[in-house]
C-alpha atoms as a PDB file:
ATOM      1  CA  MET A   1     171.978 219.475  82.191  1.00  0.00           C
ATOM      2  CA  ALA A   2     172.661 218.898  85.889  1.00  0.00           C
ATOM      3  CA  ILE A   3     171.632 221.347  88.586  1.00  0.00           C
ATOM      4  CA  GLU A   4     174.073 221.948  91.424  1.00  0.00           C
ATOM      5  CA  ILE A   5     172.839 223.298  94.749  1.00  0.00           C
ATOM      6  CA  LYS A   6     175.620 225.128  96.540  1.00  0.00           C
ATOM      7  CA  GLU A   7     173.654 226.317  99.565  1.00  0.00           C
ATOM      8  CA  LEU A   8     170.466 225.203 101.205  1.00  0.00           C
ATOM      9  CA  HIS A   9     168.749 227.244 103.896  1.00  0.00           C
ATOM     10  CA  ILE A  10     166.013 225.593 105.941  1.00  0.00           C
ATOM     11  CA  LYS A  11     163.832 227.606 108.272  1.00  0.00           C
ATOM     12  CA  ILE A  12     161.271 226.064 110.613  1.00  0.00           C
ATOM     13  CA  HIS A  13     158.816 227.334 113.169  1.00  0.00           C
ATOM     14  CA  VAL A  14     158.185 225.294 116.312  1.00  0.00           C
ATOM     15  CA  ASP A  15     155.012 225.918 118.250  1.00  0.00           C
ATOM     16  CA  GLU A  16     155.617 225.235 121.940  1.00  0.00           C
ATOM     17  CA  GLY A  17     152.040 225.754 123.113  1.00  0.00           C
ATOM     18  CA  GLY A  18     151.968 222.594 125.253  1.00  0.00           C
ATOM     19  CA  LYS A  19     155.087 223.573 127.154  1.00  0.00           C
ATOM     20  CA  ASN A  20     153.157 225.268 129.959  1.00  0.00           C
ATOM     21  CA  SER A  21     150.928 222.341 130.931  1.00  0.00           C
ATOM     22  CA  PRO A  22     152.377 219.968 133.549  1.00  0.00           C
ATOM     23  CA  SER A  23     150.609 216.890 132.141  1.00  0.00           C
ATOM     24  CA  ALA A  24     152.374 217.341 128.807  1.00  0.00           C
ATOM     25  CA  ALA A  25     155.829 217.147 130.419  1.00  0.00           C
ATOM     26  CA  GLY A  26     155.905 213.337 130.470  1.00  0.00           C
ATOM     27  CA  THR A  27     154.567 213.111 126.949  1.00  0.00           C
ATOM     28  CA  SER A  28     157.150 215.620 125.782  1.00  0.00           C
ATOM     29  CA  GLN A  29     159.978 213.513 127.214  1.00  0.00           C
ATOM     30  CA  GLU A  30     158.569 210.395 125.544  1.00  0.00           C
ATOM     31  CA  ASN A  31     158.290 212.230 122.228  1.00  0.00           C
ATOM     32  CA  LYS A  32     161.890 213.421 122.514  1.00  0.00           C
ATOM     33  CA  ARG A  33     163.071 209.874 123.192  1.00  0.00           C
ATOM     34  CA  ASP A  34     161.065 208.548 120.240  1.00  0.00           C
ATOM     35  CA  ILE A  35     162.463 211.209 117.928  1.00  0.00           C
ATOM     36  CA  ALA A  36     166.018 210.576 119.140  1.00  0.00           C
ATOM     37  CA  ALA A  37     165.588 206.818 118.621  1.00  0.00           C
ATOM     38  CA  GLU A  38     164.301 207.368 115.082  1.00  0.00           C
ATOM     39  CA  CYS A  39     167.229 209.679 114.307  1.00  0.00           C
ATOM     40  CA  VAL A  40     169.757 207.168 115.598  1.00  0.00           C
ATOM     41  CA  GLU A  41     168.113 204.400 113.580  1.00  0.00           C
ATOM     42  CA  TYR A  42     168.162 206.524 110.421  1.00  0.00           C
ATOM     43  CA  VAL A  43     171.838 207.428 110.883  1.00  0.00           C
ATOM     44  CA  MET A  44     172.791 203.800 111.513  1.00  0.00           C
ATOM     45  CA  GLU A  45     170.941 202.683 108.357  1.00  0.00           C
ATOM     46  CA  THR A  46     172.642 205.402 106.332  1.00  0.00           C
ATOM     47  CA  LEU A  47     176.063 204.419 107.641  1.00  0.00           C
ATOM     48  CA  GLN A  48     175.348 200.763 106.867  1.00  0.00           C
ATOM     49  CA  ARG A  49     174.371 201.631 103.280  1.00  0.00           C
ATOM     50  CA  GLN A  50     177.556 203.661 102.835  1.00  0.00           C
ATOM     51  CA  LYS A  51     179.607 200.814 104.234  1.00  0.00           C
ATOM     52  CA  GLU A  52     178.087 198.370 101.721  1.00  0.00           C
ATOM     53  CA  ARG A  53     179.170 200.508  98.756  1.00  0.00           C
END
């Protein structure tokens, strides 16, 4: 028997403790760029796989 999920709720908690320190600002920007690059790469791979089908 198959299970069908009609709704999915995801809740997360982000701790922004390092936001107040000035030395973390550069690191934060680098982390955001790294995360964005990984997301773009993942989306491009997913689109490529869909295209191959």
